[in-house]
Structures are given as structure tokens and as C-alpha cells.
C-alpha atoms as a PDB file:
ATOM      1  CA  MET A   1       0.000   0.000   0.000  1.00  0.00           C
ATOM      2  CA  SER A   2       1.585   3.262  -1.116  1.00  0.00           C
ATOM      3  CA  VAL A   3       0.814   6.511   0.702  1.00  0.00           C
ATOM      4  CA  LYS A   4       2.914   9.635   0.623  1.00  0.00           C
ATOM      5  CA  LEU A   5       2.651  10.522   4.266  1.00  0.00           C
ATOM      6  CA  ILE A   6       1.965   9.175   7.732  1.00  0.00           C
ATOM      7  CA  LEU A   7       1.147  11.893  10.254  1.00  0.00           C
ATOM      8  CA  VAL A   8       1.787  10.770  13.823  1.00  0.00           C
ATOM      9  CA  GLY A   9      -0.174  13.025  16.157  1.00  0.00           C
ATOM     10  CA  CYS A  10      -2.987  15.314  15.061  1.00  0.00           C
ATOM     11  CA  GLY A  11      -3.314  17.868  17.833  1.00  0.00           C
ATOM     12  CA  ASN A  12      -3.454  21.582  17.082  1.00  0.00           C
ATOM     13  CA  MET A  13      -0.196  21.786  15.150  1.00  0.00           C
ATOM     14  CA  GLY A  14      -0.576  18.469  13.322  1.00  0.00           C
ATOM     15  CA  TYR A  15      -4.144  19.313  12.335  1.00  0.00           C
ATOM     16  CA  ALA A  16      -3.193  22.822  11.194  1.00  0.00           C
ATOM     17  CA  MET A  17      -0.500  21.453   8.910  1.00  0.00           C
ATOM     18  CA  LEU A  18      -2.711  18.668   7.561  1.00  0.00           C
ATOM     19  CA  ASP A  19      -5.528  21.096   6.831  1.00  0.00           C
ATOM     20  CA  GLY A  20      -3.139  23.373   4.951  1.00  0.00           C
ATOM     21  CA  TRP A  21      -1.687  20.543   2.882  1.00  0.00           C
ATOM     22  CA  LEU A  22      -5.093  19.285   1.814  1.00  0.00           C
ATOM     23  CA  ARG A  23      -6.618  22.713   1.164  1.00  0.00           C
ATOM     24  CA  SER A  24      -3.644  23.708  -0.972  1.00  0.00           C
ATOM     25  CA  GLY A  25      -3.982  20.574  -3.085  1.00  0.00           C
ATOM     26  CA  ARG A  26      -0.362  19.591  -2.420  1.00  0.00           C
ATOM     27  CA  LEU A  27      -1.695  16.348  -0.966  1.00  0.00           C
ATOM     28  CA  MET A  28      -4.858  14.389  -1.602  1.00  0.00           C
ATOM     29  CA  PRO A  29      -6.694  12.887   1.397  1.00  0.00           C
ATOM     30  CA  ALA A  30      -6.049   9.362   0.126  1.00  0.00           C
ATOM     31  CA  GLU A  31      -2.292  10.005   0.319  1.00  0.00           C
ATOM     32  CA  VAL A  32      -2.333  10.537   4.096  1.00  0.00           C
ATOM     33  CA  ILE A  33      -2.816   8.260   7.100  1.00  0.00           C
ATOM     34  CA  VAL A  34      -3.128   9.884  10.527  1.00  0.00           C
ATOM     35  CA  VAL A  35      -2.116   7.998  13.683  1.00  0.00           C
ATOM     36  CA  GLU A  36      -3.880   9.589  16.653  1.00  0.00           C
ATOM     37  CA  PRO A  37      -4.929   7.837  19.900  1.00  0.00           C
ATOM     38  CA  ASN A  38      -7.387  10.555  20.938  1.00  0.00           C
ATOM     39  CA  GLU A  39     -10.799   9.721  19.478  1.00  0.00           C
ATOM     40  CA  ALA A  40     -12.016  13.306  19.129  1.00  0.00           C
ATOM     41  CA  LEU A  41      -8.835  14.385  17.353  1.00  0.00           C
ATOM     42  CA  ARG A  42      -8.959  11.291  15.171  1.00  0.00           C
ATOM     43  CA  GLU A  43     -12.519  12.079  14.109  1.00  0.00           C
ATOM     44  CA  ARG A  44     -11.545  15.673  13.342  1.00  0.00           C
ATOM     45  CA  ALA A  45      -8.813  14.426  11.012  1.00  0.00           C
ATOM     46  CA  SER A  46     -11.247  11.993   9.426  1.00  0.00           C
ATOM     47  CA  ARG A  47     -13.542  14.870   8.485  1.00  0.00           C
ATOM     48  CA  LEU A  48     -10.728  16.180   6.286  1.00  0.00           C
ATOM     49  CA  GLY A  49     -10.830  12.874   4.410  1.00  0.00           C
ATOM     50  CA  ALA A  50      -7.534  11.427   5.644  1.00  0.00           C
ATOM     51  CA  GLY A  51      -7.206   7.796   6.633  1.00  0.00           C
ATOM     52  CA  ILE A  52      -7.112   7.329  10.412  1.00  0.00           C
ATOM     53  CA  VAL A  53      -5.863   4.734  12.892  1.00  0.00           C
ATOM     54  CA  ALA A  54      -5.521   4.877  16.662  1.00  0.00           C
ATOM     55  CA  ALA A  55      -2.035   3.357  16.929  1.00  0.00           C
ATOM     56  CA  ALA A  56       0.977   2.344  14.845  1.00  0.00           C
ATOM     57  CA  GLY A  57       0.027  -1.308  15.195  1.00  0.00           C
ATOM     58  CA  GLU A  58      -3.163  -0.635  13.224  1.00  0.00           C
ATOM     59  CA  LEU A  59      -1.328   0.609  10.134  1.00  0.00           C
ATOM     60  CA  PRO A  60      -1.631  -1.690   7.119  1.00  0.00           C
ATOM     61  CA  ARG A  61       1.294  -4.089   7.051  1.00  0.00           C
ATOM     62  CA  ASP A  62       2.077  -3.213   3.430  1.00  0.00           C
ATOM     63  CA  VAL A  63       2.024   0.567   3.858  1.00  0.00           C
ATOM     64  CA  GLU A  64       5.111   2.279   2.386  1.00  0.00           C
ATOM     65  CA  PRO A  65       5.176   6.019   3.141  1.00  0.00           C
ATOM     66  CA  ASN A  66       7.597   8.488   1.621  1.00  0.00           C
ATOM     67  CA  LEU A  67       7.419  10.682   4.704  1.00  0.00           C
ATOM     68  CA  VAL A  68       6.633  10.085   8.372  1.00  0.00           C
ATOM     69  CA  ILE A  69       5.809  13.285  10.251  1.00  0.00           C
ATOM     70  CA  LEU A  70       6.115  13.191  14.023  1.00  0.00           C
ATOM     71  CA  ALA A  71       3.866  15.859  15.539  1.00  0.00           C
ATOM     72  CA  VAL A  72       3.860  14.676  19.139  1.00  0.00           C
ATOM     73  CA  LYS A  73       5.115  16.247  22.365  1.00  0.00           C
ATOM     74  CA  PRO A  74       8.894  16.040  22.864  1.00  0.00           C
ATOM     75  CA  GLN A  75       8.427  14.244  26.189  1.00  0.00           C
ATOM     76  CA  VAL A  76       6.895  11.203  24.461  1.00  0.00           C
ATOM     77  CA  MET A  77       9.168  10.952  21.423  1.00  0.00           C
ATOM     78  CA  ARG A  78      11.313   8.133  22.830  1.00  0.00           C
ATOM     79  CA  ALA A  79       8.176   6.121  23.545  1.00  0.00           C
ATOM     80  CA  VAL A  80       6.490   6.801  20.189  1.00  0.00           C
ATOM     81  CA  VAL A  81       9.237   6.772  17.559  1.00  0.00           C
ATOM     82  CA  PRO A  82      10.372   3.108  17.881  1.00  0.00           C
ATOM     83  CA  ASP A  83       6.994   1.988  16.519  1.00  0.00           C
ATOM     84  CA  TYR A  84       7.925   3.557  13.161  1.00  0.00           C
ATOM     85  CA  ARG A  85      11.490   2.319  12.825  1.00  0.00           C
ATOM     86  CA  ARG A  86      10.378  -0.235  10.233  1.00  0.00           C
ATOM     87  CA  PHE A  87       9.892   2.640   7.761  1.00  0.00           C
ATOM     88  CA  ALA A  88      13.412   4.058   8.218  1.00  0.00           C
ATOM     89  CA  ALA A  89      14.917   2.145   5.285  1.00  0.00           C
ATOM     90  CA  ARG A  90      12.820   4.031   2.728  1.00  0.00           C
ATOM     91  CA  ALA A  91      10.999   6.942   4.344  1.00  0.00           C
ATOM     92  CA  THR A  92      12.206  10.336   5.526  1.00  0.00           C
ATOM     93  CA  PHE A  93      11.219  11.374   9.051  1.00  0.00           C
ATOM     94  CA  LEU A  94      10.130  14.940   9.798  1.00  0.00           C
ATOM     95  CA  SER A  95       9.966  15.915  13.468  1.00  0.00           C
ATOM     96  CA  VAL A  96       8.205  19.016  14.807  1.00  0.00           C
ATOM     97  CA  ALA A  97       9.014  18.208  18.448  1.00  0.00           C
ATOM     98  CA  ALA A  98      10.775  21.107  20.165  1.00  0.00           C
ATOM     99  CA  GLY A  99      14.235  20.325  21.475  1.00  0.00           C
ATOM    100  CA  VAL A 100      14.507  16.765  20.139  1.00  0.00           C
ATOM    101  CA  SER A 101      17.783  16.556  18.220  1.00  0.00           C
ATOM    102  CA  ILE A 102      18.512  14.630  15.057  1.00  0.00           C
ATOM    103  CA  ALA A 103      21.066  12.636  17.073  1.00  0.00           C
ATOM    104  CA  THR A 104      18.305  11.534  19.433  1.00  0.00           C
ATOM    105  CA  MET A 105      16.119  10.556  16.481  1.00  0.00           C
ATOM    106  CA  ALA A 106      18.996   8.661  14.838  1.00  0.00           C
ATOM    107  CA  GLU A 107      19.642   6.830  18.075  1.00  0.00           C
ATOM    108  CA  ILE A 108      16.127   5.409  17.791  1.00  0.00           C
ATOM    109  CA  LEU A 109      15.777   5.062  14.018  1.00  0.00           C
ATOM    110  CA  GLY A 110      19.325   4.141  13.047  1.00  0.00           C
ATOM    111  CA  ASP A 111      22.362   6.143  11.963  1.00  0.00           C
ATOM    112  CA  ASP A 112      21.405   5.988   8.278  1.00  0.00           C
ATOM    113  CA  ALA A 113      17.880   7.357   8.762  1.00  0.00           C
ATOM    114  CA  ALA A 114      16.902  10.427   6.750  1.00  0.00           C
ATOM    115  CA  ILE A 115      15.685  13.003   9.269  1.00  0.00           C
ATOM    116  CA  ILE A 116      14.439  16.591   9.081  1.00  0.00           C
ATOM    117  CA  ARG A 117      13.748  18.779  12.079  1.00  0.00           C
ATOM    118  CA  CYS A 118      11.100  21.471  11.713  1.00  0.00           C
ATOM    119  CA  MET A 119       9.970  24.192  14.079  1.00  0.00           C
ATOM    120  CA  PRO A 120       6.564  25.539  12.994  1.00  0.00           C
ATOM    121  CA  ASN A 121       4.342  27.925  14.914  1.00  0.00           C
ATOM    122  CA  THR A 122       0.614  28.194  15.493  1.00  0.00           C
ATOM    123  CA  PRO A 123      -0.188  30.794  12.775  1.00  0.00           C
ATOM    124  CA  ALA A 124       0.322  27.841  10.416  1.00  0.00           C
ATOM    125  CA  ALA A 125      -3.340  27.152  11.209  1.00  0.00           C
ATOM    126  CA  ILE A 126      -4.306  30.077   8.958  1.00  0.00           C
ATOM    127  CA  GLY A 127      -1.470  29.761   6.455  1.00  0.00           C
ATOM    128  CA  LYS A 128       0.583  32.506   8.136  1.00  0.00           C
ATOM    129  CA  GLY A 129       3.070  30.328   9.999  1.00  0.00           C
ATOM    130  CA  MET A 130       6.853  30.334  10.153  1.00  0.00           C
ATOM    131  CA  MET A 131       8.470  26.964   9.477  1.00  0.00           C
ATOM    132  CA  VAL A 132      12.211  26.508   9.958  1.00  0.00           C
ATOM    133  CA  THR A 133      13.971  23.278   8.912  1.00  0.00           C
ATOM    134  CA  PHE A 134      17.283  21.492   9.252  1.00  0.00           C
ATOM    135  CA  ALA A 135      18.003  18.205   7.453  1.00  0.00           C
ATOM    136  CA  ASN A 136      20.698  15.621   8.020  1.00  0.00           C
ATOM    137  CA  PRO A 137      22.913  14.493   5.091  1.00  0.00           C
ATOM    138  CA  HIS A 138      20.760  11.430   4.375  1.00  0.00           C
ATOM    139  CA  VAL A 139      17.821  13.547   3.108  1.00  0.00           C
ATOM    140  CA  ASN A 140      17.917  13.827  -0.670  1.00  0.00           C
ATOM    141  CA  ASP A 141      17.199  16.997  -2.633  1.00  0.00           C
ATOM    142  CA  GLU A 142      13.912  15.671  -4.005  1.00  0.00           C
ATOM    143  CA  THR A 143      12.556  15.064  -0.515  1.00  0.00           C
ATOM    144  CA  LYS A 144      13.783  18.455   0.687  1.00  0.00           C
ATOM    145  CA  ALA A 145      11.884  20.088  -2.164  1.00  0.00           C
ATOM    146  CA  PHE A 146       8.731  18.061  -1.439  1.00  0.00           C
ATOM    147  CA  VAL A 147       8.842  18.963   2.266  1.00  0.00           C
ATOM    148  CA  GLY A 148       9.456  22.622   1.406  1.00  0.00           C
ATOM    149  CA  GLU A 149       6.373  22.661  -0.832  1.00  0.00           C
ATOM    150  CA  LEU A 150       4.257  21.042   1.868  1.00  0.00           C
ATOM    151  CA  LEU A 151       5.360  23.474   4.536  1.00  0.00           C
ATOM    152  CA  ALA A 152       4.911  26.478   2.231  1.00  0.00           C
ATOM    153  CA  SER A 153       1.163  25.844   2.269  1.00  0.00           C
ATOM    154  CA  SER A 154       1.252  26.814   5.962  1.00  0.00           C
ATOM    155  CA  GLY A 155       3.352  29.972   5.659  1.00  0.00           C
ATOM    156  CA  ALA A 156       6.958  31.050   5.185  1.00  0.00           C
ATOM    157  CA  VAL A 157       9.779  28.484   5.160  1.00  0.00           C
ATOM    158  CA  ALA A 158      13.445  28.961   6.054  1.00  0.00           C
ATOM    159  CA  ASP A 159      16.399  26.583   6.330  1.00  0.00           C
ATOM    160  CA  ILE A 160      19.201  26.897   8.856  1.00  0.00           C
ATOM    161  CA  ALA A 161      22.784  25.776   8.328  1.00  0.00           C
ATOM    162  CA  SER A 162      23.399  24.472  11.853  1.00  0.00           C
ATOM    163  CA  GLU A 163      21.117  22.365  14.009  1.00  0.00           C
ATOM    164  CA  GLU A 164      22.421  24.202  17.075  1.00  0.00           C
ATOM    165  CA  LEU A 165      20.397  27.212  15.938  1.00  0.00           C
ATOM    166  CA  MET A 166      17.120  25.306  16.287  1.00  0.00           C
ATOM    167  CA  ASP A 167      16.840  26.158  19.985  1.00  0.00           C
ATOM    168  CA  ALA A 168      17.062  29.848  19.102  1.00  0.00           C
ATOM    169  CA  VAL A 169      14.474  29.348  16.360  1.00  0.00           C
ATOM    170  CA  THR A 170      12.179  27.695  18.895  1.00  0.00           C
ATOM    171  CA  ALA A 171      12.613  30.643  21.245  1.00  0.00           C
ATOM    172  CA  VAL A 172      11.964  33.313  18.592  1.00  0.00           C
ATOM    173  CA  SER A 173       9.338  32.016  16.168  1.00  0.00           C
ATOM    174  CA  GLY A 174       8.161  28.800  17.798  1.00  0.00           C
ATOM    175  CA  SER A 175       7.214  30.435  21.085  1.00  0.00           C
ATOM    176  CA  GLY A 176       7.011  33.930  19.608  1.00  0.00           C
ATOM    177  CA  PRO A 177       3.263  34.015  18.854  1.00  0.00           C
ATOM    178  CA  ALA A 178       2.575  33.733  22.597  1.00  0.00           C
ATOM    179  CA  TYR A 179       4.693  36.821  23.190  1.00  0.00           C
ATOM    180  CA  ILE A 180       2.652  38.742  20.621  1.00  0.00           C
ATOM    181  CA  PHE A 181      -0.631  37.482  22.060  1.00  0.00           C
ATOM    182  CA  HIS A 182       0.459  38.683  25.494  1.00  0.00           C
ATOM    183  CA  PHE A 183       1.427  42.063  24.037  1.00  0.00           C
ATOM    184  CA  ILE A 184      -2.086  42.321  22.581  1.00  0.00           C
ATOM    185  CA  GLU A 185      -3.483  41.450  26.010  1.00  0.00           C
ATOM    186  CA  SER A 186      -1.302  44.103  27.625  1.00  0.00           C
ATOM    187  CA  LEU A 187      -2.132  46.784  25.045  1.00  0.00           C
ATOM    188  CA  THR A 188      -5.833  45.979  25.448  1.00  0.00           C
ATOM    189  CA  ALA A 189      -5.568  46.301  29.226  1.00  0.00           C
ATOM    190  CA  ALA A 190      -3.750  49.610  28.847  1.00  0.00           C
ATOM    191  CA  GLY A 191      -6.471  50.873  26.530  1.00  0.00           C
ATOM    192  CA  LYS A 192      -9.150  49.951  29.046  1.00  0.00           C
ATOM    193  CA  ALA A 193      -7.190  51.644  31.815  1.00  0.00           C
ATOM    194  CA  ALA A 194      -7.070  54.765  29.635  1.00  0.00           C
ATOM    195  CA  GLY A 195     -10.887  54.763  29.455  1.00  0.00           C
ATOM    196  CA  LEU A 196     -11.695  52.860  26.264  1.00  0.00           C
ATOM    197  CA  PRO A 197     -14.612  50.395  26.258  1.00  0.00           C
ATOM    198  CA  PRO A 198     -13.239  46.807  26.495  1.00  0.00           C
ATOM    199  CA  GLU A 199     -14.246  45.719  22.979  1.00  0.00           C
ATOM    200  CA  THR A 200     -12.894  48.916  21.444  1.00  0.00           C
ATOM    201  CA  ALA A 201      -9.607  48.520  23.308  1.00  0.00           C
ATOM    202  CA  LYS A 202      -9.320  44.930  22.094  1.00  0.00           C
ATOM    203  CA  LEU A 203     -10.063  45.876  18.474  1.00  0.00           C
ATOM    204  CA  LEU A 204      -7.549  48.718  18.526  1.00  0.00           C
ATOM    205  CA  ALA A 205      -4.850  46.483  20.002  1.00  0.00           C
ATOM    206  CA  MET A 206      -5.380  43.560  17.602  1.00  0.00           C
ATOM    207  CA  GLN A 207      -5.726  45.648  14.450  1.00  0.00           C
ATOM    208  CA  THR A 208      -2.735  47.806  15.341  1.00  0.00           C
ATOM    209  CA  VAL A 209      -0.477  44.784  15.823  1.00  0.00           C
ATOM    210  CA  TYR A 210      -1.825  43.145  12.664  1.00  0.00           C
ATOM    211  CA  GLY A 211      -1.491  46.281  10.545  1.00  0.00           C
ATOM    212  CA  ALA A 212       1.986  47.103  11.821  1.00  0.00           C
ATOM    213  CA  ALA A 213       3.195  43.541  11.135  1.00  0.00           C
ATOM    214  CA  CYS A 214       1.777  43.643   7.597  1.00  0.00           C
ATOM    215  CA  LEU A 215       3.382  47.020   6.939  1.00  0.00           C
ATOM    216  CA  ALA A 216       6.721  45.816   8.268  1.00  0.00           C
ATOM    217  CA  LYS A 217       6.634  42.798   5.972  1.00  0.00           C
ATOM    218  CA  GLU A 218       5.283  44.467   2.835  1.00  0.00           C
ATOM    219  CA  SER A 219       6.913  47.915   2.872  1.00  0.00           C
ATOM    220  CA  GLY A 220      10.486  46.754   2.371  1.00  0.00           C
ATOM    221  CA  GLU A 221      11.610  49.176   5.073  1.00  0.00           C
ATOM    222  CA  GLU A 222      13.579  48.185   8.158  1.00  0.00           C
ATOM    223  CA  PRO A 223      11.401  48.089  11.297  1.00  0.00           C
ATOM    224  CA  GLY A 224      13.597  50.738  12.912  1.00  0.00           C
ATOM    225  CA  ARG A 225      12.997  53.079   9.971  1.00  0.00           C
ATOM    226  CA  LEU A 226       9.237  52.527  10.171  1.00  0.00           C
ATOM    227  CA  ARG A 227       9.369  53.323  13.889  1.00  0.00           C
ATOM    228  CA  GLU A 228      11.181  56.563  13.138  1.00  0.00           C
ATOM    229  CA  GLN A 229       8.572  57.519  10.541  1.00  0.00           C
ATOM    230  CA  VAL A 230       5.808  57.228  13.154  1.00  0.00           C
ATOM    231  CA  THR A 231       7.745  59.128  15.815  1.00  0.00           C
ATOM    232  CA  SER A 232       7.427  62.913  15.660  1.00  0.00           C
ATOM    233  CA  PRO A 233       9.897  64.832  17.836  1.00  0.00           C
ATOM    234  CA  ASN A 234       8.396  65.518  21.269  1.00  0.00           C
ATOM    235  CA  GLY A 235       5.121  63.894  20.173  1.00  0.00           C
ATOM    236  CA  THR A 236       2.932  61.229  21.755  1.00  0.00           C
ATOM    237  CA  THR A 237       4.819  58.306  20.222  1.00  0.00           C
ATOM    238  CA  ALA A 238       8.125  59.714  21.398  1.00  0.00           C
ATOM    239  CA  ALA A 239       6.748  59.967  24.928  1.00  0.00           C
ATOM    240  CA  ALA A 240       5.677  56.308  24.863  1.00  0.00           C
ATOM    241  CA  LEU A 241       8.924  55.086  23.314  1.00  0.00           C
ATOM    242  CA  ALA A 242      10.894  56.898  25.984  1.00  0.00           C
ATOM    243  CA  VAL A 243       9.292  54.458  28.422  1.00  0.00           C
ATOM    244  CA  LEU A 244       9.668  51.341  26.239  1.00  0.00           C
ATOM    245  CA  MET A 245      13.157  52.100  24.923  1.00  0.00           C
ATOM    246  CA  GLY A 246      14.673  53.868  27.906  1.00  0.00           C
ATOM    247  CA  GLU A 247      17.694  51.889  29.126  1.00  0.00           C
ATOM    248  CA  ASP A 248      16.823  49.370  26.370  1.00  0.00           C
ATOM    249  CA  ARG A 249      13.999  48.247  28.670  1.00  0.00           C
ATOM    250  CA  LEU A 250      11.858  46.371  26.145  1.00  0.00           C
ATOM    251  CA  THR A 251      14.829  44.938  24.233  1.00  0.00           C
ATOM    252  CA  ARG A 252      16.314  43.541  27.440  1.00  0.00           C
ATOM    253  CA  LEU A 253      12.982  42.109  28.554  1.00  0.00           C
ATOM    254  CA  VAL A 254      12.375  40.357  25.220  1.00  0.00           C
ATOM    255  CA  SER A 255      15.973  39.108  25.116  1.00  0.00           C
ATOM    256  CA  ASP A 256      15.589  37.621  28.588  1.00  0.00           C
ATOM    257  CA  ALA A 257      12.345  35.929  27.526  1.00  0.00           C
ATOM    258  CA  VAL A 258      13.902  34.464  24.378  1.00  0.00           C
ATOM    259  CA  GLU A 259      16.893  33.212  26.325  1.00  0.00           C
ATOM    260  CA  ALA A 260      14.631  31.511  28.874  1.00  0.00           C
ATOM    261  CA  ALA A 261      12.795  29.762  26.046  1.00  0.00           C
ATOM    262  CA  ARG A 262      16.065  28.779  24.345  1.00  0.00           C
ATOM    263  CA  VAL A 263      17.437  27.232  27.536  1.00  0.00           C
ATOM    264  CA  ARG A 264      14.194  25.334  28.098  1.00  0.00           C
ATOM    265  CA  SER A 265      14.330  24.018  24.515  1.00  0.00           C
ATOM    266  CA  ILE A 266      17.800  22.625  25.244  1.00  0.00           C
ATOM    267  CA  GLU A 267      16.530  21.031  28.445  1.00  0.00           C
ATOM    268  CA  LEU A 268      13.623  19.371  26.636  1.00  0.00           C
ATOM    269  CA  GLY A 269      16.023  17.767  24.190  1.00  0.00           C
ATOM    270  CA  LYS A 270      18.073  15.984  26.837  1.00  0.00           C
END
């Protein structure tokens, strides 16, 4: 039985990627089998048309995937991955588990296994994600191109030259959406404290972050230059930035947060 892809785990990230692949037409439902022990999540995947099983032992004995995607929590990788070692001779493995190194995967799958690490983020659910990959030498160019096309249906894709950078990637873009969500929460709270009705404060905060991000991406200007364009001397923006930028306050706070996430990513991989 020939399928292109086995997706192991179909929680929020796995489902978001699967939905993007199928909606984009890069994969047909019949080319995917999802392995998911949770019944509700399994049924959700089934509604997309993919084949579903509850465990690796239920996969057809003659199934021969090109790609096995591991979208499970890093804490359970050592328990889950051995069930798929039988595919290592022919298939490439793509892991989206934070902190789990290629060396750890190779320890389970064999030294000759073709393995790609990927760090996606949750905006992949709406096709606005950031996916960063690193492949070991056993992954061929054709598979790299296929994986790149798949991931592109969920957002932007970047490769890194050193696997050691993956912990930094995790800390910046993997965890980064939560930082932005908290900033929206904080800006909303500040708006309410300034007297705005709650729903108005929330709308202003969300649309401002969204619009500024779009402008930063589409204008071609450096973010610092865009900031300067908004900031009139002795104006309201300058007064606010004096608080945020004084003594590099915000930069230091964000740097400390990213470093905490990077260290935790390293810890998770041990």
C-alpha cells in the first residue's frame, strides 16, 4: 500500500499542517494516514478525508510512506518513535518536536535514517506560519523540495545551516506568537485603563499589531525606519517610546524571555 505521508499526532499543530496541505492541493486525502490515539482528534482528522488509525500497530502491514511526520510532544518521542522504525529504510522522518535533536532521532531510528527537524508555529493554522527546517545528510534533494512545498502551504519556510540554531528558532518564532498574544493582552488592558470600552480597546490592540506587522513585511523598510517615521519629535509616540526604549527596557525584557525559552528548549532535548 503506497501513501505519501503518515502523520503521527494530530493535535493543534498536526491538524493545522494537515488542513493546509489538503486545502492547498499539495496532498490528496487518500495520500495521508493519521495515527492519533485521541478519538475526538482522530474524528476531526477523518472529516478532512484522511485515513485514520488509533495506533501504529493498526497501520496496514504493506504501507510504504515516503514521509513520516512526528507531531507529538517532545516528552513522548522516545516512547512513540520506535513503533515507526520499520519505515526508516525508505521513508524520511520529519519531526516538529521542540528540542529533540537529530542525534536523538537517529539513536532510535538508526544512523542511516533520513531526518528533518522542523519548528513551525501556530499561525500555520491560517497559512501565516513560520516553518524553519534542518536536514541531516541522508535527506535527498527531491525530498527536501517536497517537504518545502508542503510546509509552504502553511506559511513562510526557512532553512538553517546548523542544528544548534534550532533552539534559538524555537525561542523566537516557535514560542514567539505567545509573546505577541500577550502584548495584545497588555495593550488591550492599557487601553481599558485609559478609558476605552473593552471591545474597542481589544479591536484597537489587535488591528494595530496586525497592521503594523503587515506594513513591516510588505513595505520593504527596516522596522527601525518605520518606527522613526511614526515618531514625531516631542510627540505622543516619542513619549511612549521613551518608556519602552529607555535603558533598552523592552529589548532587554524580550531578550531575557527568548533566552529563557532557548534554555528550556535545550533542556527538553536531553
